[in-house]
Amino acid sequence: MDNEYQESKEKDLNQQNESNDEKESSSNYMAMGMSLGMCFGMGLGMTIGQMIFDDLTTGMTIGMSVGMCLGLAIGTSIKKK
């Protein structure tokens, strides 16, 4: 009987933890930051890539990678109200 009670308590705690994780992951602007970071990174990368490397694709790939990382960092740090 104690085992059944403990198992039901553990299930309840696991469900609460899962719902808290979902709330925490949706309470920031991570996805929006990554999307905007990739867009701005590609735009800047095309310009810089043409000036420095004389190749658009190299600049776009570098710019998109850097933009996505910066967008992830900035978007995660901003909390939704």
N, C-alpha and C. Protein backbone atom coordinates (compact mmCIF):
# COMPACT_ATOMS: atom_id res chain seq x y z
N MET A 1 0.82 -1.18 0.00
CA MET A 1 0.00 0.00 0.00
C MET A 1 0.87 1.25 0.00
N ASP A 2 1.97 1.22 0.77
CA ASP A 2 2.87 2.36 0.79
C ASP A 2 3.54 2.55 -0.57
N ASN A 3 3.85 1.44 -1.24
CA ASN A 3 4.48 1.52 -2.55
C ASN A 3 3.57 2.19 -3.56
N GLU A 4 2.29 1.86 -3.51
CA GLU A 4 1.34 2.47 -4.43
C GLU A 4 1.23 3.97 -4.17
N TYR A 5 1.23 4.34 -2.91
CA TYR A 5 1.15 5.76 -2.54
C TYR A 5 2.39 6.51 -3.00
N GLN A 6 3.56 5.89 -2.80
CA GLN A 6 4.80 6.53 -3.22
C GLN A 6 4.87 6.65 -4.74
N GLU A 7 4.42 5.63 -5.46
CA GLU A 7 4.42 5.68 -6.92
C GLU A 7 3.50 6.78 -7.44
N SER A 8 2.33 6.92 -6.81
CA SER A 8 1.41 7.97 -7.25
C SER A 8 1.98 9.35 -6.96
N LYS A 9 2.66 9.52 -5.84
CA LYS A 9 3.31 10.79 -5.51
C LYS A 9 4.42 11.11 -6.51
N GLU A 10 5.21 10.09 -6.87
CA GLU A 10 6.29 10.29 -7.84
C GLU A 10 5.73 10.68 -9.20
N LYS A 11 4.63 10.07 -9.61
CA LYS A 11 4.01 10.42 -10.89
C LYS A 11 3.51 11.85 -10.87
N ASP A 12 2.90 12.26 -9.76
CA ASP A 12 2.42 13.63 -9.64
C ASP A 12 3.57 14.63 -9.71
N LEU A 13 4.67 14.32 -9.03
CA LEU A 13 5.83 15.20 -9.06
C LEU A 13 6.44 15.28 -10.46
N ASN A 14 6.50 14.15 -11.17
CA ASN A 14 7.03 14.14 -12.53
C ASN A 14 6.16 14.97 -13.46
N GLN A 15 4.85 14.87 -13.31
CA GLN A 15 3.95 15.67 -14.15
C GLN A 15 4.10 17.15 -13.85
N GLN A 16 4.26 17.50 -12.59
CA GLN A 16 4.45 18.90 -12.23
C GLN A 16 5.77 19.43 -12.78
N ASN A 17 6.82 18.63 -12.71
CA ASN A 17 8.12 19.04 -13.24
C ASN A 17 8.06 19.23 -14.75
N GLU A 18 7.36 18.34 -15.45
CA GLU A 18 7.23 18.47 -16.90
C GLU A 18 6.48 19.74 -17.27
N SER A 19 5.41 20.05 -16.54
CA SER A 19 4.65 21.25 -16.85
C SER A 19 5.46 22.51 -16.51
N ASN A 20 6.28 22.47 -15.45
CA ASN A 20 7.14 23.60 -15.13
C ASN A 20 8.20 23.80 -16.19
N ASP A 21 8.76 22.71 -16.73
CA ASP A 21 9.76 22.83 -17.79
C ASP A 21 9.15 23.46 -19.04
N GLU A 22 7.92 23.07 -19.37
CA GLU A 22 7.26 23.65 -20.54
C GLU A 22 7.01 25.14 -20.33
N LYS A 23 6.61 25.54 -19.13
CA LYS A 23 6.37 26.95 -18.85
C LYS A 23 7.66 27.74 -18.92
N GLU A 24 8.76 27.18 -18.39
CA GLU A 24 10.03 27.88 -18.41
C GLU A 24 10.56 28.04 -19.83
N SER A 25 10.41 27.04 -20.66
CA SER A 25 10.93 27.13 -22.02
C SER A 25 10.10 28.07 -22.87
N SER A 26 8.82 28.26 -22.54
CA SER A 26 8.00 29.16 -23.34
C SER A 26 7.94 30.56 -22.74
N SER A 27 8.71 30.82 -21.69
CA SER A 27 8.65 32.12 -21.05
C SER A 27 9.79 33.04 -21.47
N ASN A 28 10.44 32.73 -22.58
CA ASN A 28 11.47 33.62 -23.10
C ASN A 28 11.34 33.73 -24.62
N TYR A 29 12.16 34.55 -25.21
CA TYR A 29 12.08 34.83 -26.64
C TYR A 29 13.17 34.11 -27.42
N MET A 30 13.46 32.87 -27.06
CA MET A 30 14.55 32.14 -27.69
C MET A 30 14.32 31.92 -29.19
N ALA A 31 13.15 31.44 -29.56
CA ALA A 31 12.88 31.14 -30.97
C ALA A 31 12.87 32.43 -31.80
N MET A 32 12.26 33.47 -31.27
CA MET A 32 12.22 34.73 -32.00
C MET A 32 13.62 35.33 -32.14
N GLY A 33 14.42 35.23 -31.09
CA GLY A 33 15.78 35.74 -31.14
C GLY A 33 16.63 35.00 -32.15
N MET A 34 16.47 33.67 -32.21
CA MET A 34 17.23 32.89 -33.18
C MET A 34 16.82 33.23 -34.61
N SER A 35 15.53 33.39 -34.83
CA SER A 35 15.05 33.71 -36.18
C SER A 35 15.55 35.08 -36.63
N LEU A 36 15.39 36.07 -35.77
CA LEU A 36 15.86 37.41 -36.13
C LEU A 36 17.38 37.45 -36.26
N GLY A 37 18.08 36.72 -35.40
CA GLY A 37 19.54 36.68 -35.48
C GLY A 37 20.02 36.08 -36.80
N MET A 38 19.33 35.03 -37.27
CA MET A 38 19.72 34.44 -38.55
C MET A 38 19.46 35.42 -39.70
N CYS A 39 18.33 36.11 -39.65
CA CYS A 39 18.01 37.06 -40.72
C CYS A 39 19.01 38.20 -40.77
N PHE A 40 19.26 38.83 -39.62
CA PHE A 40 20.22 39.93 -39.58
C PHE A 40 21.63 39.44 -39.90
N GLY A 41 21.97 38.26 -39.43
CA GLY A 41 23.29 37.71 -39.70
C GLY A 41 23.51 37.45 -41.18
N MET A 42 22.47 36.95 -41.86
CA MET A 42 22.62 36.72 -43.30
C MET A 42 22.77 38.04 -44.05
N GLY A 43 22.00 39.03 -43.64
CA GLY A 43 22.10 40.34 -44.30
C GLY A 43 23.46 40.97 -44.13
N LEU A 44 23.94 40.98 -42.90
CA LEU A 44 25.27 41.54 -42.65
C LEU A 44 26.36 40.66 -43.25
N GLY A 45 26.15 39.35 -43.21
CA GLY A 45 27.14 38.44 -43.76
C GLY A 45 27.31 38.59 -45.26
N MET A 46 26.20 38.87 -45.96
CA MET A 46 26.30 39.09 -47.41
C MET A 46 27.15 40.31 -47.70
N THR A 47 26.93 41.37 -46.95
CA THR A 47 27.68 42.60 -47.16
C THR A 47 29.15 42.40 -46.83
N ILE A 48 29.41 41.87 -45.65
CA ILE A 48 30.79 41.68 -45.21
C ILE A 48 31.48 40.61 -46.06
N GLY A 49 30.76 39.57 -46.42
CA GLY A 49 31.35 38.52 -47.25
C GLY A 49 31.76 39.02 -48.63
N GLN A 50 30.95 39.90 -49.19
CA GLN A 50 31.29 40.45 -50.50
C GLN A 50 32.50 41.38 -50.40
N MET A 51 32.58 42.12 -49.29
CA MET A 51 33.70 43.06 -49.15
C MET A 51 35.01 42.35 -48.82
N ILE A 52 34.96 41.37 -47.94
CA ILE A 52 36.20 40.74 -47.47
C ILE A 52 36.57 39.52 -48.30
N PHE A 53 35.62 38.60 -48.50
CA PHE A 53 35.94 37.32 -49.12
C PHE A 53 35.65 37.29 -50.62
N ASP A 54 34.99 38.28 -51.17
CA ASP A 54 34.52 38.28 -52.56
C ASP A 54 33.66 37.05 -52.85
N ASP A 55 32.92 36.63 -51.85
CA ASP A 55 32.06 35.46 -51.98
C ASP A 55 30.86 35.63 -51.05
N LEU A 56 29.66 35.58 -51.60
CA LEU A 56 28.46 35.78 -50.79
C LEU A 56 28.20 34.61 -49.85
N THR A 57 28.39 33.39 -50.32
CA THR A 57 28.01 32.23 -49.51
C THR A 57 28.86 32.09 -48.26
N THR A 58 30.14 32.43 -48.34
CA THR A 58 30.99 32.35 -47.16
C THR A 58 30.53 33.34 -46.10
N GLY A 59 30.26 34.55 -46.52
CA GLY A 59 29.79 35.57 -45.59
C GLY A 59 28.44 35.23 -45.01
N MET A 60 27.55 34.65 -45.83
CA MET A 60 26.23 34.29 -45.33
C MET A 60 26.31 33.18 -44.30
N THR A 61 27.14 32.19 -44.54
CA THR A 61 27.22 31.08 -43.59
C THR A 61 27.82 31.54 -42.26
N ILE A 62 28.86 32.35 -42.33
CA ILE A 62 29.47 32.85 -41.10
C ILE A 62 28.49 33.78 -40.38
N GLY A 63 27.88 34.69 -41.13
CA GLY A 63 26.93 35.64 -40.53
C GLY A 63 25.72 34.96 -39.94
N MET A 64 25.20 33.95 -40.62
CA MET A 64 24.03 33.24 -40.12
C MET A 64 24.38 32.47 -38.84
N SER A 65 25.52 31.86 -38.78
CA SER A 65 25.94 31.12 -37.59
C SER A 65 26.13 32.04 -36.39
N VAL A 66 26.83 33.13 -36.61
CA VAL A 66 27.06 34.08 -35.53
C VAL A 66 25.75 34.73 -35.10
N GLY A 67 24.91 35.09 -36.07
CA GLY A 67 23.62 35.71 -35.76
C GLY A 67 22.71 34.79 -34.97
N MET A 68 22.70 33.52 -35.32
CA MET A 68 21.85 32.57 -34.60
C MET A 68 22.34 32.41 -33.17
N CYS A 69 23.64 32.33 -32.97
CA CYS A 69 24.18 32.20 -31.60
C CYS A 69 23.87 33.44 -30.77
N LEU A 70 24.06 34.61 -31.35
CA LEU A 70 23.76 35.84 -30.61
C LEU A 70 22.27 35.96 -30.33
N GLY A 71 21.43 35.61 -31.31
CA GLY A 71 19.99 35.65 -31.11
C GLY A 71 19.54 34.69 -30.04
N LEU A 72 20.16 33.52 -29.97
CA LEU A 72 19.84 32.54 -28.92
C LEU A 72 20.19 33.11 -27.55
N ALA A 73 21.37 33.70 -27.43
CA ALA A 73 21.81 34.24 -26.14
C ALA A 73 20.93 35.41 -25.71
N ILE A 74 20.65 36.31 -26.62
CA ILE A 74 19.86 37.49 -26.28
C ILE A 74 18.40 37.10 -26.03
N GLY A 75 17.84 36.25 -26.89
CA GLY A 75 16.45 35.84 -26.73
C GLY A 75 16.19 35.05 -25.47
N THR A 76 17.13 34.25 -25.05
CA THR A 76 16.98 33.48 -23.82
C THR A 76 17.05 34.36 -22.59
N SER A 77 17.84 35.41 -22.67
CA SER A 77 18.01 36.27 -21.49
C SER A 77 16.82 37.20 -21.27
N ILE A 78 15.98 37.42 -22.28
CA ILE A 78 14.82 38.30 -22.13
C ILE A 78 13.63 37.45 -21.74
N LYS A 79 13.04 37.73 -20.61
CA LYS A 79 11.91 36.96 -20.10
C LYS A 79 10.59 37.59 -20.55
N LYS A 80 9.60 36.75 -20.86
CA LYS A 80 8.26 37.22 -21.19
C LYS A 80 7.54 37.58 -19.89
N LYS A 81 6.63 38.52 -19.99
CA LYS A 81 5.86 38.91 -18.80
C LYS A 81 4.64 38.04 -18.65
